[in-house]
Amino acid sequence: MSSNTLVLIACLAVAVVLLFGLANMLRGGSANVSQRLMRLRVVLQFVAILVIMGVLWWRGG
C-alpha cells in the first residue's frame, strides 16, 4: 500500500466520522452518540497527523 493511499484513508476516515457526527446532531439524535463520534474524530485526527508526519519523514521531508 502506498503512502499516498494511507494518507487518503486517514483523511477520509476523519471526514466520514465528522459527517456522521454532524448528521446525528442535526437530526436531533442522542447526545451520547454525538459525543462518542466527536471523540473518535479527535483520535482519528491524531492518527491522521501521525500518518502524514510519518510519510513526510519517510520521504525525507
N, C-alpha and C. Protein backbone atom coordinates (compact mmCIF):
# COMPACT_ATOMS: atom_id res chain seq x y z
N MET A 1 0.85 -1.18 0.00
CA MET A 1 0.00 0.00 0.00
C MET A 1 0.89 1.24 0.00
N SER A 2 0.62 2.16 -0.88
CA SER A 2 1.47 3.35 -0.98
C SER A 2 1.17 4.33 0.15
N SER A 3 2.12 5.22 0.37
CA SER A 3 1.95 6.21 1.44
C SER A 3 0.82 7.19 1.10
N ASN A 4 0.64 7.48 -0.18
CA ASN A 4 -0.47 8.37 -0.57
C ASN A 4 -1.81 7.75 -0.20
N THR A 5 -1.92 6.45 -0.35
CA THR A 5 -3.16 5.75 -0.01
C THR A 5 -3.41 5.81 1.49
N LEU A 6 -2.35 5.65 2.28
CA LEU A 6 -2.51 5.71 3.74
C LEU A 6 -3.00 7.09 4.19
N VAL A 7 -2.43 8.13 3.60
CA VAL A 7 -2.85 9.49 3.94
C VAL A 7 -4.31 9.71 3.53
N LEU A 8 -4.66 9.25 2.35
CA LEU A 8 -6.03 9.40 1.87
C LEU A 8 -7.02 8.67 2.78
N ILE A 9 -6.70 7.45 3.17
CA ILE A 9 -7.58 6.67 4.05
C ILE A 9 -7.73 7.36 5.40
N ALA A 10 -6.64 7.87 5.95
CA ALA A 10 -6.70 8.54 7.25
C ALA A 10 -7.58 9.79 7.18
N CYS A 11 -7.41 10.57 6.12
CA CYS A 11 -8.20 11.80 5.98
C CYS A 11 -9.68 11.50 5.72
N LEU A 12 -9.93 10.49 4.92
CA LEU A 12 -11.33 10.10 4.66
C LEU A 12 -12.01 9.58 5.92
N ALA A 13 -11.28 8.84 6.74
CA ALA A 13 -11.85 8.34 7.99
C ALA A 13 -12.28 9.50 8.88
N VAL A 14 -11.44 10.52 8.96
CA VAL A 14 -11.79 11.71 9.76
C VAL A 14 -13.04 12.38 9.19
N ALA A 15 -13.08 12.54 7.88
CA ALA A 15 -14.22 13.22 7.24
C ALA A 15 -15.51 12.44 7.44
N VAL A 16 -15.46 11.12 7.32
CA VAL A 16 -16.66 10.30 7.47
C VAL A 16 -17.20 10.39 8.89
N VAL A 17 -16.33 10.28 9.88
CA VAL A 17 -16.79 10.35 11.27
C VAL A 17 -17.33 11.75 11.57
N LEU A 18 -16.68 12.79 11.03
CA LEU A 18 -17.18 14.15 11.22
C LEU A 18 -18.58 14.30 10.64
N LEU A 19 -18.79 13.80 9.44
CA LEU A 19 -20.11 13.91 8.81
C LEU A 19 -21.18 13.12 9.57
N PHE A 20 -20.82 11.92 10.04
CA PHE A 20 -21.78 11.15 10.84
C PHE A 20 -22.14 11.89 12.13
N GLY A 21 -21.14 12.50 12.77
CA GLY A 21 -21.40 13.25 14.00
C GLY A 21 -22.28 14.46 13.75
N LEU A 22 -21.99 15.19 12.69
CA LEU A 22 -22.81 16.36 12.37
C LEU A 22 -24.23 15.96 11.99
N ALA A 23 -24.35 14.89 11.21
CA ALA A 23 -25.69 14.42 10.83
C ALA A 23 -26.49 14.00 12.05
N ASN A 24 -25.85 13.35 12.99
CA ASN A 24 -26.54 12.93 14.21
C ASN A 24 -27.00 14.14 15.03
N MET A 25 -26.16 15.17 15.11
CA MET A 25 -26.54 16.36 15.87
C MET A 25 -27.68 17.11 15.17
N LEU A 26 -27.58 17.27 13.85
CA LEU A 26 -28.62 17.99 13.12
C LEU A 26 -29.96 17.26 13.14
N ARG A 27 -29.89 15.93 13.18
CA ARG A 27 -31.09 15.10 13.20
C ARG A 27 -31.73 15.09 14.58
N GLY A 28 -30.99 15.57 15.57
CA GLY A 28 -31.51 15.56 16.94
C GLY A 28 -31.32 14.22 17.60
N GLY A 29 -30.28 13.52 17.21
CA GLY A 29 -30.00 12.19 17.76
C GLY A 29 -29.46 12.28 19.18
N SER A 30 -29.05 11.14 19.67
CA SER A 30 -28.55 11.03 21.03
C SER A 30 -27.30 11.87 21.23
N ALA A 31 -27.26 12.60 22.32
CA ALA A 31 -26.09 13.41 22.65
C ALA A 31 -24.89 12.52 22.95
N ASN A 32 -25.15 11.34 23.53
CA ASN A 32 -24.05 10.42 23.83
C ASN A 32 -23.39 9.92 22.55
N VAL A 33 -24.18 9.65 21.53
CA VAL A 33 -23.63 9.18 20.26
C VAL A 33 -22.82 10.30 19.61
N SER A 34 -23.32 11.51 19.63
CA SER A 34 -22.59 12.65 19.07
C SER A 34 -21.27 12.85 19.79
N GLN A 35 -21.30 12.76 21.10
CA GLN A 35 -20.09 12.93 21.90
C GLN A 35 -19.06 11.84 21.58
N ARG A 36 -19.53 10.62 21.45
CA ARG A 36 -18.64 9.49 21.13
C ARG A 36 -18.03 9.66 19.74
N LEU A 37 -18.84 10.10 18.78
CA LEU A 37 -18.34 10.32 17.42
C LEU A 37 -17.33 11.46 17.37
N MET A 38 -17.56 12.51 18.11
CA MET A 38 -16.62 13.63 18.10
C MET A 38 -15.31 13.23 18.79
N ARG A 39 -15.38 12.41 19.81
CA ARG A 39 -14.15 11.91 20.44
C ARG A 39 -13.39 11.01 19.49
N LEU A 40 -14.12 10.17 18.76
CA LEU A 40 -13.48 9.32 17.76
C LEU A 40 -12.83 10.16 16.67
N ARG A 41 -13.47 11.25 16.29
CA ARG A 41 -12.91 12.15 15.28
C ARG A 41 -11.58 12.72 15.75
N VAL A 42 -11.50 13.13 17.00
CA VAL A 42 -10.26 13.69 17.54
C VAL A 42 -9.15 12.64 17.51
N VAL A 43 -9.48 11.41 17.88
CA VAL A 43 -8.49 10.33 17.85
C VAL A 43 -8.03 10.08 16.41
N LEU A 44 -8.98 10.05 15.48
CA LEU A 44 -8.63 9.82 14.09
C LEU A 44 -7.81 10.98 13.51
N GLN A 45 -8.09 12.20 13.95
CA GLN A 45 -7.28 13.33 13.50
C GLN A 45 -5.85 13.17 13.99
N PHE A 46 -5.68 12.72 15.21
CA PHE A 46 -4.34 12.48 15.75
C PHE A 46 -3.62 11.42 14.93
N VAL A 47 -4.32 10.34 14.62
CA VAL A 47 -3.74 9.27 13.81
C VAL A 47 -3.39 9.79 12.42
N ALA A 48 -4.27 10.59 11.84
CA ALA A 48 -4.01 11.14 10.50
C ALA A 48 -2.77 12.03 10.52
N ILE A 49 -2.62 12.84 11.55
CA ILE A 49 -1.43 13.69 11.65
C ILE A 49 -0.18 12.83 11.79
N LEU A 50 -0.25 11.77 12.59
CA LEU A 50 0.89 10.87 12.72
C LEU A 50 1.24 10.22 11.38
N VAL A 51 0.23 9.80 10.64
CA VAL A 51 0.46 9.18 9.33
C VAL A 51 1.11 10.18 8.38
N ILE A 52 0.58 11.40 8.34
CA ILE A 52 1.13 12.42 7.45
C ILE A 52 2.57 12.74 7.83
N MET A 53 2.82 12.91 9.11
CA MET A 53 4.19 13.21 9.56
C MET A 53 5.12 12.04 9.27
N GLY A 54 4.64 10.83 9.45
CA GLY A 54 5.44 9.64 9.15
C GLY A 54 5.78 9.55 7.67
N VAL A 55 4.82 9.86 6.82
CA VAL A 55 5.07 9.84 5.36
C VAL A 55 6.09 10.91 4.99
N LEU A 56 5.94 12.10 5.56
CA LEU A 56 6.90 13.17 5.28
C LEU A 56 8.30 12.77 5.75
N TRP A 57 8.39 12.18 6.91
CA TRP A 57 9.69 11.75 7.43
C TRP A 57 10.26 10.65 6.55
N TRP A 58 9.42 9.69 6.15
CA TRP A 58 9.88 8.57 5.33
C TRP A 58 10.41 9.05 3.97
N ARG A 59 9.77 10.07 3.41
CA ARG A 59 10.19 10.58 2.10
C ARG A 59 11.35 11.57 2.21
N GLY A 60 11.73 11.89 3.42
CA GLY A 60 12.87 12.79 3.59
C GLY A 60 12.51 14.26 3.63
N GLY A 61 11.26 14.54 4.01
CA GLY A 61 10.86 15.92 4.20
C GLY A 61 10.38 16.55 2.96
